[in-house]
Amino acid sequence: MAATLYGIPNCDTVKKARQWFEKRQIPYAFHDYKKSGIDKEKLEMWVLEKGWEPLLNKRGTTFRQLPDVLKQDIDADKAIMLMVAHPEMIKRPVVEPNDGTDLVIGYDSTAYETLFT
């Protein structure tokens, strides 16, 4: 089964996930947020499946540098708007199996093993 791995190429956890797939010769497509951005519709699907909280990285520099008014009263719509405008705020990596099974947010080798081997 193939997958799409979403992230930023220089992110350490994305590198780790890519190495995991490559070591096991599991095919995947890489979607670079910096080059390609992210569609609002894709984020809406992910938020429906997993909720916005696990997707929005509040610990990162980009989120912390936002004006306080943008960091307050976050709901799903506001989180999606922020992540579309600043894809680097999406927790990385996001792995989406092409067969429509469970989305994996963040590096999780146990979940990868379950889904792909």
Protein backbone atom coordinates (compact mmCIF):
# COMPACT_ATOMS: atom_id res chain seq x y z
CA MET A 1 0.00 0.00 0.00
CA ALA A 2 1.31 3.44 -0.84
CA ALA A 3 0.88 6.62 1.16
CA THR A 4 1.30 10.35 0.96
CA LEU A 5 3.62 11.91 3.51
CA TYR A 6 2.97 15.61 4.17
CA GLY A 7 5.60 17.87 5.68
CA ILE A 8 8.62 20.08 5.22
CA PRO A 9 11.82 18.45 3.90
CA ASN A 10 14.19 19.87 6.52
CA CYS A 11 12.02 18.85 9.50
CA ASP A 12 13.74 16.17 11.61
CA THR A 13 10.58 14.13 12.22
CA VAL A 14 9.73 14.24 8.51
CA LYS A 15 13.25 13.01 7.69
CA LYS A 16 12.80 10.22 10.22
CA ALA A 17 9.47 9.18 8.68
CA ARG A 18 10.90 9.26 5.16
CA GLN A 19 13.81 7.07 6.29
CA TRP A 20 11.35 4.64 7.88
CA PHE A 21 9.48 4.24 4.57
CA GLU A 22 12.63 4.07 2.46
CA LYS A 23 14.33 1.51 4.71
CA ARG A 24 11.33 -0.78 4.26
CA GLN A 25 10.97 0.04 0.55
CA ILE A 26 7.38 1.18 1.06
CA PRO A 27 6.33 3.55 -1.71
CA TYR A 28 5.13 7.00 -0.74
CA ALA A 29 4.60 10.39 -2.30
CA PHE A 30 6.00 13.43 -0.53
CA HIS A 31 3.91 16.60 -0.34
CA ASP A 32 6.05 19.61 0.55
CA TYR A 33 4.00 22.25 2.37
CA LYS A 34 6.55 24.96 1.56
CA LYS A 35 6.37 24.35 -2.19
CA SER A 36 2.78 23.19 -2.61
CA GLY A 37 0.88 24.57 0.38
CA ILE A 38 -2.18 22.67 1.54
CA ASP A 39 -5.76 22.72 0.32
CA LYS A 40 -8.46 23.91 2.68
CA GLU A 41 -10.56 20.91 1.63
CA LYS A 42 -7.80 18.49 2.63
CA LEU A 43 -7.48 20.12 6.06
CA GLU A 44 -11.25 20.02 6.51
CA MET A 45 -11.20 16.25 5.84
CA TRP A 46 -8.37 15.74 8.32
CA VAL A 47 -10.12 17.84 10.96
CA LEU A 48 -13.30 15.80 10.49
CA GLU A 49 -11.30 12.59 10.97
CA LYS A 50 -8.94 13.61 13.79
CA GLY A 51 -10.05 17.01 15.10
CA TRP A 52 -8.07 20.24 14.78
CA GLU A 53 -6.20 19.95 18.08
CA PRO A 54 -3.75 17.20 17.06
CA LEU A 55 -3.09 18.93 13.73
CA LEU A 56 -2.33 22.47 14.90
CA ASN A 57 1.18 22.75 16.32
CA LYS A 58 0.93 25.39 19.04
CA ARG A 59 4.50 24.79 20.21
CA GLY A 60 6.18 25.99 17.03
CA THR A 61 7.75 29.37 16.41
CA THR A 62 5.20 30.36 13.77
CA PHE A 63 2.24 29.91 16.12
CA ARG A 64 3.98 31.63 19.02
CA GLN A 65 4.77 34.65 16.83
CA LEU A 66 1.14 35.17 15.86
CA PRO A 67 -0.66 38.17 17.33
CA ASP A 68 -2.50 37.22 20.52
CA VAL A 69 -5.88 37.89 18.92
CA LEU A 70 -5.24 35.05 16.43
CA LYS A 71 -4.20 32.63 19.18
CA GLN A 72 -7.41 33.16 21.17
CA ASP A 73 -10.75 31.40 20.79
CA ILE A 74 -9.48 28.82 18.31
CA ASP A 75 -12.09 26.51 16.87
CA ALA A 76 -11.97 24.19 13.85
CA ASP A 77 -12.64 26.94 11.30
CA LYS A 78 -10.03 29.28 12.76
CA ALA A 79 -7.47 26.45 13.03
CA ILE A 80 -8.03 25.53 9.37
CA MET A 81 -7.66 29.17 8.33
CA LEU A 82 -4.38 29.43 10.26
CA MET A 83 -3.00 26.18 8.83
CA VAL A 84 -3.91 27.14 5.24
CA ALA A 85 -2.17 30.50 5.71
CA HIS A 86 0.81 28.97 7.55
CA PRO A 87 1.20 25.26 6.66
CA GLU A 88 4.32 25.09 8.83
CA MET A 89 1.87 25.16 11.77
CA ILE A 90 0.61 21.69 10.87
CA LYS A 91 2.11 18.99 13.07
CA ARG A 92 4.57 16.97 11.04
CA PRO A 93 4.57 14.60 9.41
CA VAL A 94 1.03 13.73 8.41
CA VAL A 95 0.87 10.31 6.75
CA GLU A 96 -2.21 9.56 4.70
CA PRO A 97 -2.53 5.95 3.50
CA ASN A 98 -3.83 5.84 -0.07
CA ASP A 99 -6.40 3.21 0.83
CA GLY A 100 -8.28 5.67 3.06
CA THR A 101 -7.38 3.99 6.36
CA ASP A 102 -6.37 5.90 9.47
CA LEU A 103 -4.47 9.15 9.10
CA VAL A 104 -1.28 9.27 11.22
CA ILE A 105 -0.26 12.63 12.69
CA GLY A 106 3.34 12.92 13.83
CA TYR A 107 6.06 10.28 13.67
CA ASP A 108 4.63 6.98 14.93
CA SER A 109 6.60 3.91 13.86
CA THR A 110 4.14 1.59 15.63
CA ALA A 111 1.22 2.97 13.62
CA TYR A 112 3.30 2.79 10.43
CA GLU A 113 4.10 -0.89 11.15
CA THR A 114 0.41 -1.64 11.66
CA LEU A 115 -0.69 0.11 8.50
CA PHE A 116 2.11 -0.66 6.06
CA THR A 117 3.68 -4.04 6.91
